[in-house]
Amino acid sequence: MVRKLTAAAAALATLTVSCAPPTQTPMKVRALVLSSNGEYAPTEVELKTITDIVSMQGTVAKLQGGAFIRLDSQDPEANAAQTDEAYLRAVLKDEGRPVTASYNTDTSGVLWPADFHTWNLVTTYYNLERAWDYFTTIAEVKQADLPQTTAYYFPEFVLADRSDDPVVDNAIFLSPVKAFLVLPFKELQKAPLALNASILTHEYAHLVFNRRVYEGRGVPDPIRYWGAVGGSTPGLNILKSLDEGLADFHAYVASCQTSYGCNPRVLATSYEGTLMENRDLSKNWCMSRELYTQLYGGNFNTTFSGLEYQVGTLLASALYKASTSAADRQVLARAVVAAYSDTDPLKPGLAQLARATLDNQEYFKLGAAARAIVRHIPRGNVTLKQAVCTNFATHLQIPVSEMTGTDEDSCPESTTTTSACPSIYTIAP
């Protein structure tokens, strides 16, 4: 268990107390990292972007403690807000203050966290840094597009419409405050979420999606307008499903760079049982007629709520099955990010598709979104493109006609489905 590891590390006789070590770049420090045998162990790592090892600030993130965030549909200040900045001021009741980490130093000069929270803080920064590195190298997002982001550590976060009790046992990218929330853990008995690199990469992927698809808006226009209707919300259902599914896919691809290796079970080590198994990308997931009906006919705030994870898993699993090599994974990760936003009228990105259908979300189709991804796979990767098209058509039940076209970048007309999933369009006799 994490607590046992921390206690053992703190008890080592070779350590000497040093509460405020000078910051160097890179900084050698111990973090709790998932090893190849599936256990979290104190591991020497380098923080390459840290600028203050005590307050845990750097190029990638700034950790902030003691914040209070309250989302309340009855909050008059929030309802009166006309800008993202005004809304942020309304919901961020207390921005908190810098954290303070404490360390011991071993004889080789490597820092060892001196208490549990410092272990958690260091590992949080390290995991966010790894996610940032994945997106700026493997996925080719410009570093300038991913500046320092605040991570509120153990804030008091209240969703007032549900309860006045603070939310616990979660790690979130919260777009209204444009920051990560690393919430306290209470019931979670396995690895705390901050230690789980896949989960933090998933959350960092939401940040990238927000920056590129939603132009960095705290309350994006598609969510604001599409979520306000009382009937079906197909566009919002699809967009939220894309956000969840593509985040899982990125978490999977990033995991292949770790000592643990490729991990198609994004929630593993923090969750177990049905919740974890339902997000296992290696399983054979198939769109059902009931789920398809909810995707296009349900309301995101009522009947479709929670189903975005099911559709997202279908999407991520289809991409997982299509990319069977390291080279394919890298190409597809870049294609997915490139498809988030592209002003080329011949292959518009998700941002452009959403903007063009803002007045009528029924025109934002899953097939069009899938086609945007396919169109950003380089033409030379014919086999990969064909595999993605086949898996989309088979597992997501997207009509081939919605993904094909006269251009070279769309799915070929010859795209067919496989026997992995039964057709939901077959009419029973």
Protein backbone atom coordinates (compact mmCIF):
# COMPACT_ATOMS: atom_id res chain seq x y z
CA MET A 1 0.00 0.00 0.00
CA VAL A 2 1.07 3.60 -0.59
CA ARG A 3 1.14 4.44 3.12
CA LYS A 4 3.51 1.56 3.85
CA LEU A 5 5.83 2.66 1.07
CA THR A 6 5.85 6.20 2.38
CA ALA A 7 6.57 5.11 5.94
CA ALA A 8 9.41 2.88 4.80
CA ALA A 9 10.94 5.62 2.70
CA ALA A 10 10.79 8.14 5.55
CA ALA A 11 12.49 5.72 7.93
CA LEU A 12 15.66 5.25 5.89
CA ALA A 13 18.68 6.04 8.08
CA THR A 14 20.76 7.55 5.26
CA LEU A 15 18.47 10.58 4.91
CA THR A 16 19.13 14.00 6.32
CA VAL A 17 16.42 16.61 6.85
CA SER A 18 16.33 19.48 4.36
CA CYS A 19 13.03 21.37 4.32
CA ALA A 20 13.88 23.98 1.70
CA PRO A 21 16.33 22.61 -0.86
CA PRO A 22 17.45 24.87 -3.70
CA THR A 23 15.68 24.20 -7.01
CA GLN A 24 17.74 23.02 -9.95
CA THR A 25 16.61 21.91 -13.39
CA PRO A 26 16.24 19.01 -13.81
CA MET A 27 15.47 18.17 -10.19
CA LYS A 28 16.17 14.63 -8.97
CA VAL A 29 13.48 13.51 -6.58
CA ARG A 30 11.65 10.38 -5.52
CA ALA A 31 8.04 9.88 -6.63
CA LEU A 32 5.61 6.98 -6.32
CA VAL A 33 5.64 5.40 -9.76
CA LEU A 34 3.88 2.30 -11.07
CA SER A 35 6.59 -0.31 -11.72
CA SER A 36 6.63 -3.13 -14.24
CA ASN A 37 5.30 -5.54 -11.57
CA GLY A 38 2.16 -3.43 -11.06
CA GLU A 39 3.13 -1.91 -7.69
CA TYR A 40 3.77 1.71 -6.79
CA ALA A 41 7.32 2.14 -5.55
CA PRO A 42 9.56 5.09 -4.55
CA THR A 43 11.39 5.76 -7.81
CA GLU A 44 14.04 8.30 -8.67
CA VAL A 45 12.72 10.64 -11.36
CA GLU A 46 13.68 13.99 -12.83
CA LEU A 47 11.32 16.95 -12.76
CA LYS A 48 12.44 18.72 -15.91
CA THR A 49 10.15 21.75 -15.78
CA ILE A 50 10.04 22.55 -12.04
CA THR A 51 11.09 26.06 -10.98
CA ASP A 52 10.26 25.90 -7.25
CA ILE A 53 10.46 22.45 -5.63
CA VAL A 54 8.98 23.67 -2.33
CA SER A 55 5.88 25.45 -3.67
CA MET A 56 5.65 22.92 -6.53
CA GLN A 57 5.53 25.39 -9.37
CA GLY A 58 6.95 25.00 -12.83
CA THR A 59 6.40 25.40 -16.54
CA VAL A 60 3.70 22.72 -16.59
CA ALA A 61 1.72 23.33 -13.40
CA LYS A 62 1.32 25.37 -10.26
CA LEU A 63 -0.03 23.46 -7.27
CA GLN A 64 -2.30 25.51 -5.03
CA GLY A 65 -3.77 24.44 -1.69
CA GLY A 66 -6.76 25.60 0.36
CA ALA A 67 -9.06 26.64 -2.50
CA PHE A 68 -12.84 26.69 -2.30
CA ILE A 69 -14.89 26.17 -5.48
CA ARG A 70 -18.68 26.11 -5.51
CA LEU A 71 -20.90 25.45 -8.53
CA ASP A 72 -24.50 26.41 -7.83
CA SER A 73 -27.22 26.98 -10.43
CA GLN A 74 -28.86 29.42 -8.00
CA ASP A 75 -25.74 31.55 -7.51
CA PRO A 76 -26.79 35.07 -8.64
CA GLU A 77 -23.21 36.19 -9.29
CA ALA A 78 -22.50 33.17 -11.49
CA ASN A 79 -25.79 33.58 -13.36
CA ALA A 80 -25.06 37.24 -13.99
CA ALA A 81 -21.57 36.56 -15.35
CA GLN A 82 -21.16 37.60 -18.98
CA THR A 83 -17.55 36.49 -19.45
CA ASP A 84 -15.40 33.53 -18.53
CA GLU A 85 -13.42 35.72 -16.16
CA ALA A 86 -16.55 36.89 -14.34
CA TYR A 87 -17.83 33.33 -14.05
CA LEU A 88 -14.48 32.16 -12.69
CA ARG A 89 -14.56 34.89 -10.03
CA ALA A 90 -18.08 33.84 -9.09
CA VAL A 91 -17.38 30.12 -8.59
CA LEU A 92 -13.83 30.36 -7.20
CA LYS A 93 -14.75 31.53 -3.72
CA ASP A 94 -11.17 31.22 -2.42
CA GLU A 95 -8.18 30.69 -4.70
CA GLY A 96 -6.11 29.27 -1.86
CA ARG A 97 -2.36 29.62 -1.48
CA PRO A 98 0.87 27.92 -2.60
CA VAL A 99 1.56 24.49 -1.14
CA THR A 100 4.67 23.76 0.92
CA ALA A 101 6.55 20.53 0.31
CA SER A 102 9.12 19.08 2.72
CA TYR A 103 12.00 16.79 1.85
CA ASN A 104 14.84 14.67 3.12
CA THR A 105 18.02 14.42 1.07
CA ASP A 106 19.98 11.21 0.64
CA THR A 107 23.75 10.94 0.33
CA SER A 108 23.61 11.20 -3.47
CA GLY A 109 21.61 14.44 -3.35
CA VAL A 110 18.26 12.96 -4.38
CA LEU A 111 15.24 14.45 -2.56
CA TRP A 112 12.86 12.15 -0.71
CA PRO A 113 9.43 13.50 0.26
CA ALA A 114 9.25 13.77 4.04
CA ASP A 115 5.49 13.22 4.44
CA PHE A 116 2.52 11.76 2.60
CA HIS A 117 1.30 15.03 1.12
CA THR A 118 4.73 15.78 -0.29
CA TRP A 119 4.78 12.32 -1.91
CA ASN A 120 1.36 13.11 -3.37
CA LEU A 121 2.40 16.59 -4.53
CA VAL A 122 5.62 15.44 -6.17
CA THR A 123 3.90 12.54 -7.92
CA THR A 124 1.07 14.82 -9.07
CA TYR A 125 3.52 17.25 -10.67
CA TYR A 126 5.52 14.40 -12.18
CA ASN A 127 2.42 12.82 -13.73
CA LEU A 128 1.20 16.16 -15.11
CA GLU A 129 4.68 16.77 -16.51
CA ARG A 130 4.64 13.37 -18.21
CA ALA A 131 1.22 14.12 -19.70
CA TRP A 132 2.46 17.50 -20.93
CA ASP A 133 5.53 15.82 -22.43
CA TYR A 134 3.33 13.25 -24.20
CA PHE A 135 1.16 15.90 -25.82
CA THR A 136 4.06 18.15 -26.82
CA THR A 137 6.19 15.35 -28.28
CA ILE A 138 4.11 12.32 -29.30
CA ALA A 139 0.93 14.27 -30.15
CA GLU A 140 2.85 17.33 -31.44
CA VAL A 141 0.97 20.07 -29.60
CA LYS A 142 3.04 23.26 -29.46
CA GLN A 143 4.43 23.97 -26.00
CA ALA A 144 3.19 27.55 -26.29
CA ASP A 145 -0.37 26.18 -26.53
CA LEU A 146 0.00 24.42 -23.17
CA PRO A 147 1.22 27.04 -20.68
CA GLN A 148 1.31 26.60 -16.91
CA THR A 149 -2.00 25.34 -15.51
CA THR A 150 -3.09 25.59 -11.89
CA ALA A 151 -3.74 22.35 -10.05
CA TYR A 152 -5.84 22.91 -6.92
CA TYR A 153 -4.65 20.36 -4.39
CA PHE A 154 -7.27 18.99 -1.96
CA PRO A 155 -9.67 21.91 -2.51
CA GLU A 156 -13.15 22.14 -1.06
CA PHE A 157 -15.25 21.53 -4.18
CA VAL A 158 -19.03 21.69 -3.83
CA LEU A 159 -21.64 20.84 -6.46
CA ALA A 160 -24.47 22.58 -4.63
CA ASP A 161 -27.26 21.21 -6.85
CA ARG A 162 -26.35 17.71 -5.62
CA SER A 163 -25.13 18.27 -2.08
CA ASP A 164 -23.44 20.74 0.23
CA ASP A 165 -20.86 18.08 1.07
CA PRO A 166 -17.54 18.58 -0.73
CA VAL A 167 -16.77 16.15 -3.55
CA VAL A 168 -14.02 13.61 -2.78
CA ASP A 169 -12.25 10.71 -4.49
CA ASN A 170 -11.69 12.33 -7.87
CA ALA A 171 -9.24 14.17 -10.09
CA ILE A 172 -10.81 16.60 -12.56
CA PHE A 173 -10.03 19.14 -15.23
CA LEU A 174 -12.69 21.77 -14.49
CA SER A 175 -13.07 24.12 -17.44
CA PRO A 176 -14.97 26.91 -15.57
CA VAL A 177 -11.86 27.51 -13.43
CA LYS A 178 -9.48 26.36 -16.21
CA ALA A 179 -7.60 24.20 -13.73
CA PHE A 180 -7.13 20.69 -12.39
CA LEU A 181 -8.68 19.62 -9.11
CA VAL A 182 -6.93 16.90 -7.10
CA LEU A 183 -9.61 16.15 -4.55
CA PRO A 184 -9.20 14.52 -1.12
CA PHE A 185 -9.74 10.77 -1.00
CA LYS A 186 -12.11 9.15 1.46
CA GLU A 187 -13.59 5.86 0.26
CA LEU A 188 -10.98 5.05 -2.37
CA GLN A 189 -8.87 2.24 -0.92
CA LYS A 190 -6.50 1.65 -3.82
CA ALA A 191 -3.95 4.08 -5.30
CA PRO A 192 -4.98 7.74 -4.86
CA LEU A 193 -5.88 9.27 -8.21
CA ALA A 194 -2.98 11.74 -8.15
CA LEU A 195 -0.58 8.79 -8.24
CA ASN A 196 -2.31 7.23 -11.26
CA ALA A 197 -0.48 8.50 -14.35
CA SER A 198 -3.19 7.23 -16.74
CA ILE A 199 -5.95 9.09 -14.90
CA LEU A 200 -4.00 12.36 -14.81
CA THR A 201 -3.14 11.96 -18.51
CA HIS A 202 -6.86 11.45 -19.17
CA GLU A 203 -7.59 14.70 -17.33
CA TYR A 204 -4.78 16.51 -19.14
CA ALA A 205 -6.34 15.30 -22.40
CA HIS A 206 -9.53 17.14 -21.38
CA LEU A 207 -7.43 20.30 -21.07
CA VAL A 208 -6.06 19.82 -24.61
CA PHE A 209 -9.57 19.12 -25.95
CA ASN A 210 -10.80 22.28 -24.24
CA ARG A 211 -7.98 24.40 -25.64
CA ARG A 212 -8.40 23.20 -29.23
CA VAL A 213 -12.06 22.25 -29.66
CA TYR A 214 -13.53 24.83 -27.27
CA GLU A 215 -10.86 27.53 -27.82
CA GLY A 216 -10.03 27.44 -24.12
CA ARG A 217 -13.44 28.70 -23.05
CA GLY A 218 -14.54 28.14 -19.47
CA VAL A 219 -18.13 27.51 -20.55
CA PRO A 220 -17.90 26.62 -24.27
CA ASP A 221 -20.64 27.71 -26.64
CA PRO A 222 -21.72 24.17 -27.66
CA ILE A 223 -22.18 23.22 -24.00
CA ARG A 224 -23.91 26.51 -23.17
CA TYR A 225 -26.35 26.45 -26.10
CA TRP A 226 -26.82 22.75 -26.76
CA GLY A 227 -27.26 21.93 -23.08
CA ALA A 228 -29.99 24.52 -22.59
CA VAL A 229 -32.64 22.71 -24.63
CA GLY A 230 -35.27 20.59 -22.94
CA GLY A 231 -35.48 17.84 -25.56
CA SER A 232 -32.85 15.63 -27.14
CA THR A 233 -29.26 16.88 -27.21
CA PRO A 234 -27.54 14.70 -29.85
CA GLY A 235 -24.72 17.14 -30.59
CA LEU A 236 -23.84 17.59 -26.94
CA ASN A 237 -24.08 13.84 -26.31
CA ILE A 238 -21.66 13.15 -29.14
CA LEU A 239 -19.24 15.94 -28.23
CA LYS A 240 -19.04 14.86 -24.58
CA SER A 241 -18.59 11.24 -25.66
CA LEU A 242 -15.73 12.27 -27.94
CA ASP A 243 -14.08 14.19 -25.10
CA GLU A 244 -14.22 11.16 -22.78
CA GLY A 245 -13.27 8.53 -25.34
CA LEU A 246 -10.36 10.41 -26.89
CA ALA A 247 -9.04 11.19 -23.40
CA ASP A 248 -8.99 7.44 -22.66
CA PHE A 249 -7.20 6.76 -25.94
CA HIS A 250 -4.52 9.34 -25.17
CA ALA A 251 -4.07 7.89 -21.69
CA TYR A 252 -3.56 4.47 -23.26
CA VAL A 253 -1.02 5.69 -25.83
CA ALA A 254 0.90 7.64 -23.18
CA SER A 255 1.04 4.58 -20.92
CA CYS A 256 3.08 2.75 -23.56
CA GLN A 257 6.01 5.06 -22.70
CA THR A 258 6.10 3.90 -19.06
CA SER A 259 7.98 1.06 -17.36
CA TYR A 260 4.60 -0.58 -16.67
CA GLY A 261 3.86 -0.69 -20.38
CA CYS A 262 0.74 -0.21 -22.50
CA ASN A 263 -2.29 -0.12 -20.22
CA PRO A 264 -5.70 -0.41 -21.92
CA ARG A 265 -7.43 -0.32 -18.50
CA VAL A 266 -7.24 3.40 -17.74
CA LEU A 267 -8.81 3.15 -14.28
CA ALA A 268 -6.68 0.22 -13.13
CA THR A 269 -4.75 0.50 -9.81
CA SER A 270 -7.20 3.11 -8.51
CA TYR A 271 -10.47 1.28 -9.17
CA GLU A 272 -11.40 -2.36 -9.47
CA GLY A 273 -14.38 -4.49 -10.44
CA THR A 274 -17.10 -3.44 -12.86
CA LEU A 275 -16.12 0.23 -13.02
CA MET A 276 -12.61 -0.66 -14.19
CA GLU A 277 -13.69 -3.48 -16.50
CA ASN A 278 -16.22 -1.23 -18.25
CA ARG A 279 -13.38 1.03 -19.39
CA ASP A 280 -11.08 -1.78 -20.59
CA LEU A 281 -10.23 -0.86 -24.20
CA SER A 282 -9.07 -4.37 -25.05
CA LYS A 283 -12.56 -5.84 -24.77
CA ASN A 284 -14.93 -6.28 -27.70
CA TRP A 285 -17.39 -3.42 -27.18
CA CYS A 286 -20.34 -2.99 -29.55
CA MET A 287 -22.87 -0.19 -29.95
CA SER A 288 -26.32 -1.40 -28.96
CA ARG A 289 -29.56 -0.18 -30.47
CA GLU A 290 -30.59 1.18 -27.06
CA LEU A 291 -27.36 3.15 -26.62
CA TYR A 292 -27.56 4.47 -30.18
CA THR A 293 -31.13 5.61 -29.55
CA GLN A 294 -30.05 7.44 -26.40
CA LEU A 295 -27.06 9.00 -28.17
CA TYR A 296 -29.31 10.70 -30.71
CA GLY A 297 -32.54 10.97 -28.73
CA GLY A 298 -31.55 11.39 -25.07
CA ASN A 299 -30.97 14.57 -23.09
CA PHE A 300 -27.48 14.99 -21.68
CA ASN A 301 -28.74 16.31 -18.37
CA THR A 302 -31.24 13.50 -17.82
CA THR A 303 -31.50 10.21 -19.72
CA PHE A 304 -28.06 10.33 -21.40
CA SER A 305 -26.18 11.38 -18.26
CA GLY A 306 -23.31 8.93 -17.67
CA LEU A 307 -23.70 7.21 -21.03
CA GLU A 308 -20.98 9.41 -22.55
CA TYR A 309 -18.47 7.06 -20.89
CA GLN A 310 -19.99 4.03 -22.64
CA VAL A 311 -19.89 5.69 -26.05
CA GLY A 312 -16.43 7.05 -25.25
CA THR A 313 -15.15 3.56 -24.45
CA LEU A 314 -16.52 2.32 -27.78
CA LEU A 315 -14.61 5.08 -29.56
CA ALA A 316 -11.36 4.60 -27.64
CA SER A 317 -11.54 0.83 -28.05
CA ALA A 318 -12.03 1.17 -31.81
CA LEU A 319 -8.88 3.32 -32.01
CA TYR A 320 -7.03 0.89 -29.73
CA LYS A 321 -7.89 -2.05 -31.99
CA ALA A 322 -6.87 -0.12 -35.12
CA SER A 323 -3.40 0.89 -33.84
CA THR A 324 -1.44 -2.30 -33.23
CA SER A 325 2.11 -0.90 -33.34
CA ALA A 326 4.03 1.94 -31.68
CA ALA A 327 4.26 3.72 -35.03
CA ASP A 328 0.49 3.44 -35.60
CA ARG A 329 -0.24 4.71 -32.09
CA GLN A 330 1.89 7.79 -32.65
CA VAL A 331 0.38 8.54 -36.05
CA LEU A 332 -3.15 8.12 -34.72
CA ALA A 333 -2.50 10.21 -31.59
CA ARG A 334 -1.30 13.06 -33.81
CA ALA A 335 -4.23 12.62 -36.19
CA VAL A 336 -6.71 12.81 -33.31
CA VAL A 337 -5.21 16.03 -31.95
CA ALA A 338 -4.98 17.53 -35.45
CA ALA A 339 -8.67 16.74 -35.92
CA TYR A 340 -9.61 18.81 -32.89
CA SER A 341 -9.28 22.03 -34.88
CA ASP A 342 -8.52 22.57 -38.56
CA THR A 343 -9.64 25.60 -40.58
CA ASP A 344 -9.04 23.80 -43.89
CA PRO A 345 -12.55 23.68 -45.44
CA LEU A 346 -11.68 20.35 -47.10
CA LYS A 347 -11.10 18.64 -43.74
CA PRO A 348 -12.64 20.73 -40.95
CA GLY A 349 -11.87 19.83 -37.35
CA LEU A 350 -14.28 19.16 -34.49
CA ALA A 351 -14.17 22.83 -33.46
CA GLN A 352 -15.24 23.93 -36.94
CA LEU A 353 -17.92 21.24 -37.22
CA ALA A 354 -19.40 22.27 -33.86
CA ARG A 355 -19.34 25.95 -34.76
CA ALA A 356 -21.03 25.30 -38.11
CA THR A 357 -23.87 23.38 -36.42
CA LEU A 358 -24.24 25.57 -33.35
CA ASP A 359 -27.75 26.64 -34.38
CA ASN A 360 -28.88 23.03 -34.86
CA GLN A 361 -26.99 20.33 -33.02
CA GLU A 362 -28.81 17.57 -34.89
CA TYR A 363 -26.39 18.17 -37.75
CA PHE A 364 -23.38 17.35 -35.55
CA LYS A 365 -23.19 13.64 -36.39
CA LEU A 366 -20.92 10.97 -34.96
CA GLY A 367 -20.04 10.02 -38.54
CA ALA A 368 -18.84 13.54 -39.32
CA ALA A 369 -16.67 13.58 -36.19
CA ALA A 370 -15.22 10.17 -37.08
CA ARG A 371 -14.56 11.35 -40.62
CA ALA A 372 -12.65 14.36 -39.24
CA ILE A 373 -10.29 11.98 -37.42
CA VAL A 374 -9.87 9.75 -40.47
CA ARG A 375 -9.13 12.72 -42.72
CA HIS A 376 -6.18 13.67 -40.53
CA ILE A 377 -4.47 10.30 -40.85
CA PRO A 378 -1.68 10.87 -43.42
CA ARG A 379 -2.49 9.49 -46.86
CA GLY A 380 0.54 7.21 -46.79
CA ASN A 381 -0.88 5.26 -43.85
CA VAL A 382 -3.42 3.39 -45.95
CA THR A 383 -3.58 0.29 -43.76
CA LEU A 384 -4.10 2.33 -40.58
CA LYS A 385 -6.79 4.46 -42.22
CA GLN A 386 -8.62 1.36 -43.41
CA ALA A 387 -8.39 -0.22 -39.94
CA VAL A 388 -9.81 2.89 -38.26
CA CYS A 389 -12.67 3.11 -40.76
CA THR A 390 -13.52 -0.57 -40.34
CA ASN A 391 -13.48 -0.36 -36.54
CA PHE A 392 -15.60 2.80 -36.50
CA ALA A 393 -18.17 1.19 -38.77
CA THR A 394 -18.16 -2.08 -36.85
CA HIS A 395 -18.01 -1.09 -33.19
CA LEU A 396 -19.71 2.34 -33.29
CA GLN A 397 -22.21 1.30 -35.99
CA ILE A 398 -21.46 4.46 -37.98
CA PRO A 399 -22.95 4.16 -41.48
CA VAL A 400 -20.07 3.90 -43.97
CA SER A 401 -21.75 6.56 -46.13
CA GLU A 402 -21.21 9.12 -43.34
CA MET A 403 -17.45 8.57 -43.40
CA THR A 404 -16.73 8.23 -47.12
CA GLY A 405 -16.32 10.90 -49.78
CA THR A 406 -14.77 11.73 -53.10
CA ASP A 407 -11.57 13.00 -51.50
CA GLU A 408 -8.54 10.82 -50.75
CA ASP A 409 -8.61 11.62 -47.05
CA SER A 410 -12.00 10.12 -46.17
CA CYS A 411 -12.75 6.44 -45.64
CA PRO A 412 -12.61 4.45 -48.89
CA GLU A 413 -15.90 3.41 -50.46
CA SER A 414 -14.81 -0.20 -50.00
CA THR A 415 -15.01 0.10 -46.18
CA THR A 416 -16.97 -2.79 -44.68
CA THR A 417 -17.80 -4.05 -41.22
CA THR A 418 -16.58 -7.25 -39.58
CA SER A 419 -18.39 -9.97 -37.66
CA ALA A 420 -17.08 -8.60 -34.32
CA CYS A 421 -20.40 -6.79 -33.72
CA PRO A 422 -23.95 -7.51 -34.89
CA SER A 423 -25.59 -4.77 -36.94
CA ILE A 424 -28.13 -2.66 -35.09
CA TYR A 425 -29.76 -1.85 -38.43
CA THR A 426 -30.83 -5.42 -39.15
CA ILE A 427 -34.60 -5.63 -39.01
CA ALA A 428 -35.77 -8.75 -37.21
CA PRO A 429 -38.29 -10.84 -39.17
